[in-house]
Amino acid sequence: MNIRKAIMIGAVSFMISMGNVTYSSIAYAQTYQQSVGLLKVGARGEIVRNLQLELKKLGYFHVNATGYYGPITQASVIKFQKDKGLLVDGIVGPQTWGALYGTNSNISRGDVSRNKTASQNLLVPWFSQAENIFPRGSVATVTDVDTGISFKVKRVAGYNHADVETLTANDTAILKKIYGGQWSWERRAIIVNVNGREMAASIAAMPHAGRDDQPFGKIVNNRSGNYGTGANLDGVKNNNMSGVIDIHFYKSKTHGTNRIDERHQQMVLKAAQSRQ
């Protein structure tokens, strides 16, 4: 067994005991590594790609995200560390992750144990739990983690995750403001509050599969998002949005592939960490 494999197996074993939250795959160990572990030259994978996207959003990374931690990524990290007054070593450890994602300074000191409860209370598995807390027809308040801005949504459909719509035209305007005035598939970390119960989640603001000018459930053509012909998923009218947008929760899946979307799950964990 090589050293890298041993480290990853150890990370999985460490996480199995986190309360009611079970991390049973190397993918989740890698996501956990984002909050308390190390990334350096030679690392590969989705976690590196997400690091690059975050650095790009902050103006430190100016090429396409590749998922490979090479000299360009290292240089971007070094510049970020210099600007933030961190240890300048080109390695992304707990302090650098904390500066990137605004996590609690306790994590920067490696003090993970005292923050487990806050995280796991927000990490509500979608199937059999979050889907029942946020049933179809219910209204939730969504708060964007990065900006602190809130708006309301209604769940109208979805089984692998929540298909929601903004409740009013004003809520639509707020959502678009968060996304710089445009629709986007970009994943963002959010907190979903349903009747006082908060849950970590991830949103993608691209309306699809609906027409605001047609009844909900009717078979229609030219659904939004190039979804063609099918059942109209637009159930909230006059909100300046045609169709639904996606909200993912812990361990939820996509409808198209029936698989867990790693980028959404990374944002779910970011949302959980934001309340530590």
Protein backbone atom coordinates (compact mmCIF):
# COMPACT_ATOMS: atom_id res chain seq x y z
CA MET A 1 0.00 0.00 0.00
CA ASN A 2 1.52 3.35 -1.00
CA ILE A 3 1.65 6.33 1.35
CA ARG A 4 -1.02 8.38 -0.47
CA LYS A 5 -3.52 5.52 -0.32
CA ALA A 6 -2.80 4.93 3.34
CA ILE A 7 -3.37 8.59 4.14
CA MET A 8 -6.73 8.61 2.36
CA ILE A 9 -7.91 5.42 4.08
CA GLY A 10 -6.93 6.92 7.40
CA ALA A 11 -8.89 10.05 6.62
CA VAL A 12 -11.99 7.96 5.89
CA SER A 13 -11.62 6.03 9.14
CA PHE A 14 -11.24 9.26 11.11
CA MET A 15 -14.47 10.66 9.75
CA ILE A 16 -16.73 7.68 10.34
CA SER A 17 -17.16 8.64 14.00
CA MET A 18 -18.55 12.15 13.34
CA GLY A 19 -21.89 11.80 15.15
CA ASN A 20 -24.72 10.83 12.83
CA VAL A 21 -22.76 11.90 9.74
CA THR A 22 -21.01 9.08 7.91
CA TYR A 23 -18.29 9.78 5.36
CA SER A 24 -17.95 6.47 3.59
CA SER A 25 -15.92 7.31 0.52
CA ILE A 26 -12.57 8.74 -0.41
CA ALA A 27 -14.40 11.57 -2.18
CA TYR A 28 -15.81 12.78 1.13
CA ALA A 29 -12.44 12.34 2.81
CA GLN A 30 -11.02 14.62 0.12
CA THR A 31 -13.76 17.19 0.78
CA TYR A 32 -13.00 17.03 4.47
CA GLN A 33 -9.35 17.56 3.59
CA GLN A 34 -10.43 20.92 2.21
CA SER A 35 -11.32 22.15 5.68
CA VAL A 36 -8.45 20.78 7.76
CA GLY A 37 -5.94 19.06 5.45
CA LEU A 38 -3.21 19.94 2.97
CA LEU A 39 -3.05 20.49 -0.77
CA LYS A 40 0.24 21.07 -2.56
CA VAL A 41 2.03 20.64 -5.88
CA GLY A 42 1.19 17.29 -7.44
CA ALA A 43 -2.34 17.01 -6.01
CA ARG A 44 -5.16 16.26 -8.43
CA GLY A 45 -8.93 15.99 -8.46
CA GLU A 46 -12.17 17.88 -8.01
CA ILE A 47 -11.02 19.43 -4.75
CA VAL A 48 -8.10 21.08 -6.58
CA ARG A 49 -10.43 22.28 -9.33
CA ASN A 50 -12.70 23.89 -6.74
CA LEU A 51 -9.67 25.54 -5.13
CA GLN A 52 -8.72 26.97 -8.52
CA LEU A 53 -12.26 28.22 -9.12
CA GLU A 54 -12.30 29.93 -5.72
CA LEU A 55 -8.91 31.55 -6.38
CA LYS A 56 -10.16 32.63 -9.81
CA LYS A 57 -13.26 34.19 -8.31
CA LEU A 58 -11.02 36.15 -5.93
CA GLY A 59 -8.74 37.31 -8.74
CA TYR A 60 -5.69 35.16 -8.02
CA PHE A 61 -6.00 32.48 -10.70
CA HIS A 62 -6.25 33.55 -14.33
CA VAL A 63 -6.36 30.35 -16.39
CA ASN A 64 -8.85 27.52 -16.76
CA ALA A 65 -9.35 25.25 -13.76
CA THR A 66 -7.73 21.90 -14.53
CA GLY A 67 -7.88 19.99 -11.27
CA TYR A 68 -4.07 19.71 -11.19
CA TYR A 69 -2.02 21.54 -8.54
CA GLY A 70 0.95 22.73 -10.57
CA PRO A 71 3.27 25.77 -10.54
CA ILE A 72 0.53 28.18 -11.65
CA THR A 73 -1.76 27.13 -8.80
CA GLN A 74 1.14 27.28 -6.36
CA ALA A 75 2.00 30.82 -7.47
CA SER A 76 -1.64 31.86 -7.07
CA VAL A 77 -1.74 30.42 -3.56
CA ILE A 78 1.49 32.18 -2.63
CA LYS A 79 0.14 35.54 -3.77
CA PHE A 80 -3.09 34.94 -1.84
CA GLN A 81 -1.13 33.98 1.29
CA LYS A 82 1.03 37.13 1.02
CA ASP A 83 -2.03 39.36 0.67
CA LYS A 84 -3.74 37.74 3.66
CA GLY A 85 -0.67 37.79 5.92
CA LEU A 86 -0.49 34.01 6.13
CA LEU A 87 2.49 31.69 6.20
CA VAL A 88 3.78 31.81 2.63
CA ASP A 89 4.59 28.25 1.60
CA GLY A 90 2.38 27.59 -1.44
CA ILE A 91 0.61 24.83 0.46
CA VAL A 92 -3.11 25.01 1.21
CA GLY A 93 -3.56 23.99 4.82
CA PRO A 94 -6.19 24.84 7.45
CA GLN A 95 -5.25 28.53 7.72
CA THR A 96 -5.35 29.08 3.98
CA TRP A 97 -8.64 27.17 3.64
CA GLY A 98 -10.06 29.33 6.43
CA ALA A 99 -9.00 32.53 4.68
CA LEU A 100 -10.43 31.32 1.37
CA TYR A 101 -13.82 30.23 2.65
CA GLY A 102 -14.25 32.41 5.73
CA THR A 103 -14.37 29.49 8.14
CA ASN A 104 -14.03 29.92 11.88
CA SER A 105 -10.53 30.61 13.18
CA ASN A 106 -10.80 27.53 15.42
CA ILE A 107 -10.39 25.40 12.30
CA SER A 108 -7.27 27.37 11.41
CA ARG A 109 -5.81 26.18 14.70
CA GLY A 110 -6.83 22.63 13.91
CA ASP A 111 -9.39 22.59 16.70
CA VAL A 112 -11.90 20.43 14.88
CA SER A 113 -13.62 18.59 17.71
CA ARG A 114 -15.42 21.56 19.24
CA ASN A 115 -16.91 22.41 15.84
CA LYS A 116 -18.27 18.98 14.91
CA THR A 117 -21.67 19.53 16.52
CA ALA A 118 -22.39 22.75 14.63
CA SER A 119 -21.46 21.12 11.33
CA GLN A 120 -23.33 17.88 11.72
CA ASN A 121 -26.52 19.62 12.91
CA LEU A 122 -26.58 21.47 9.59
CA LEU A 123 -25.51 18.46 7.51
CA VAL A 124 -28.95 16.92 7.10
CA PRO A 125 -29.03 14.01 4.60
CA TRP A 126 -31.49 14.64 1.82
CA PHE A 127 -33.11 11.24 1.55
CA SER A 128 -35.68 10.51 4.30
CA GLN A 129 -34.67 13.61 6.26
CA ALA A 130 -34.18 16.96 4.50
CA GLU A 131 -36.73 16.02 1.84
CA ASN A 132 -39.32 15.67 4.63
CA ILE A 133 -38.26 18.82 6.48
CA PHE A 134 -38.63 20.70 3.19
CA PRO A 135 -41.62 18.98 1.53
CA ARG A 136 -43.19 20.02 -1.74
CA GLY A 137 -45.34 23.09 -1.36
CA SER A 138 -43.40 24.48 1.60
CA VAL A 139 -41.60 27.83 1.70
CA ALA A 140 -38.04 28.35 2.92
CA THR A 141 -35.74 31.29 3.53
CA VAL A 142 -32.43 30.92 1.71
CA THR A 143 -29.34 32.81 2.92
CA ASP A 144 -26.29 33.05 0.69
CA VAL A 145 -23.22 32.25 2.78
CA ASP A 146 -20.79 34.59 1.02
CA THR A 147 -22.98 37.70 1.00
CA GLY A 148 -25.42 37.11 3.86
CA ILE A 149 -28.29 38.10 1.56
CA SER A 150 -31.59 36.22 1.99
CA PHE A 151 -34.61 35.50 -0.19
CA LYS A 152 -37.56 33.11 -0.17
CA VAL A 153 -38.20 30.04 -2.31
CA LYS A 154 -40.95 27.45 -2.64
CA ARG A 155 -40.30 23.79 -3.33
CA VAL A 156 -42.50 22.71 -6.22
CA ALA A 157 -40.87 19.49 -7.45
CA GLY A 158 -37.82 17.24 -7.32
CA TYR A 159 -37.07 13.85 -5.78
CA ASN A 160 -33.24 13.50 -5.86
CA HIS A 161 -32.92 17.12 -4.72
CA ALA A 162 -35.24 20.10 -4.28
CA ASP A 163 -36.57 21.86 -7.38
CA VAL A 164 -37.58 25.30 -6.16
CA GLU A 165 -38.78 28.67 -7.41
CA THR A 166 -38.35 32.13 -6.01
CA LEU A 167 -41.52 33.14 -4.20
CA THR A 168 -41.93 36.63 -5.72
CA ALA A 169 -40.43 38.85 -8.39
CA ASN A 170 -38.56 40.68 -5.64
CA ASP A 171 -37.01 37.40 -4.48
CA THR A 172 -35.94 36.75 -8.07
CA ALA A 173 -34.26 40.15 -8.21
CA ILE A 174 -32.39 39.39 -4.98
CA LEU A 175 -31.22 36.01 -6.28
CA LYS A 176 -29.96 37.53 -9.53
CA LYS A 177 -28.17 40.26 -7.60
CA ILE A 178 -26.23 37.58 -5.71
CA TYR A 179 -25.20 36.12 -9.06
CA GLY A 180 -24.13 39.45 -10.52
CA GLY A 181 -27.40 40.07 -12.36
CA GLN A 182 -27.46 36.91 -14.44
CA TRP A 183 -28.58 33.28 -14.33
CA SER A 184 -25.83 30.78 -13.69
CA TRP A 185 -25.11 27.10 -13.01
CA GLU A 186 -22.41 28.17 -10.54
CA ARG A 187 -22.79 26.39 -7.21
CA ARG A 188 -23.04 28.59 -4.13
CA ALA A 189 -23.14 27.68 -0.45
CA ILE A 190 -26.44 28.52 1.26
CA ILE A 191 -28.35 27.98 4.48
CA VAL A 192 -31.96 26.86 4.03
CA ASN A 193 -34.32 27.73 6.88
CA VAL A 194 -37.66 25.89 6.99
CA ASN A 195 -39.81 26.93 9.96
CA GLY A 196 -36.71 27.62 12.03
CA ARG A 197 -34.82 24.45 11.04
CA GLU A 198 -31.55 25.36 9.35
CA MET A 199 -29.82 23.06 6.87
CA ALA A 200 -26.62 23.38 4.87
CA ALA A 201 -27.23 23.33 1.12
CA SER A 202 -26.01 24.40 -2.31
CA ILE A 203 -27.85 26.31 -5.01
CA ALA A 204 -27.48 26.69 -8.77
CA ALA A 205 -29.41 29.63 -10.21
CA MET A 206 -30.32 28.49 -13.70
CA PRO A 207 -34.10 28.25 -14.33
CA HIS A 208 -35.08 25.20 -16.35
CA ALA A 209 -37.91 22.84 -17.34
CA GLY A 210 -40.72 25.36 -17.12
CA ARG A 211 -42.81 28.12 -18.64
CA ASP A 212 -44.25 30.88 -16.50
CA ASP A 213 -47.08 31.42 -18.99
CA GLN A 214 -48.43 27.83 -18.78
CA PRO A 215 -50.15 25.82 -16.01
CA PHE A 216 -47.99 23.70 -13.72
CA GLY A 217 -47.80 20.07 -14.81
CA LYS A 218 -49.09 20.64 -18.33
CA ILE A 219 -47.10 19.06 -21.17
CA VAL A 220 -45.59 21.99 -23.03
CA ASN A 221 -42.97 22.75 -25.66
CA ASN A 222 -39.98 25.06 -25.39
CA ARG A 223 -39.40 24.71 -21.68
CA SER A 224 -36.72 26.98 -20.21
CA GLY A 225 -33.10 25.93 -20.20
CA ASN A 226 -33.48 24.13 -23.54
CA TYR A 227 -35.42 21.33 -21.85
CA GLY A 228 -37.72 20.88 -24.84
CA THR A 229 -41.08 19.15 -24.45
CA GLY A 230 -42.29 17.80 -21.12
CA ALA A 231 -44.21 18.53 -17.94
CA ASN A 232 -44.16 22.21 -17.00
CA LEU A 233 -42.41 22.54 -13.64
CA ASP A 234 -43.17 26.24 -13.23
CA GLY A 235 -45.63 26.43 -10.33
CA VAL A 236 -45.05 29.97 -9.03
CA LYS A 237 -46.38 32.55 -11.45
CA ASN A 238 -45.43 36.19 -12.03
CA ASN A 239 -42.08 35.85 -10.26
CA ASN A 240 -39.99 36.80 -13.33
CA MET A 241 -38.58 33.30 -13.58
CA SER A 242 -39.60 30.47 -15.91
CA GLY A 243 -39.00 27.03 -14.46
CA VAL A 244 -37.18 25.77 -11.39
CA ILE A 245 -33.68 26.06 -9.92
CA ASP A 246 -31.79 23.38 -8.00
CA ILE A 247 -31.04 23.17 -4.30
CA HIS A 248 -28.89 20.24 -3.19
CA PHE A 249 -28.50 18.97 0.35
CA TYR A 250 -26.09 16.54 1.99
CA LYS A 251 -25.87 13.37 -0.13
CA SER A 252 -28.57 14.47 -2.57
CA LYS A 253 -28.21 13.52 -6.24
CA THR A 254 -28.81 14.94 -9.69
CA HIS A 255 -31.94 13.98 -11.61
CA GLY A 256 -30.16 13.40 -14.89
CA THR A 257 -27.33 11.11 -13.73
CA ASN A 258 -28.69 9.89 -10.38
CA ARG A 259 -25.26 10.60 -8.91
CA ILE A 260 -23.90 12.85 -6.19
CA ASP A 261 -22.59 16.13 -7.60
CA GLU A 262 -19.23 16.76 -5.92
CA ARG A 263 -19.31 20.52 -6.57
CA HIS A 264 -22.68 20.81 -4.85
CA GLN A 265 -21.46 18.69 -1.93
CA GLN A 266 -18.41 20.90 -1.50
CA MET A 267 -20.69 23.92 -1.16
CA VAL A 268 -22.91 22.01 1.29
CA LEU A 269 -19.89 21.43 3.53
CA LYS A 270 -18.82 25.04 3.13
CA ALA A 271 -22.28 26.12 4.31
CA ALA A 272 -22.07 23.82 7.33
CA GLN A 273 -18.68 25.22 8.28
CA SER A 274 -19.94 28.78 8.01
CA ARG A 275 -21.98 28.39 11.21
CA GLN A 276 -19.17 26.89 13.32
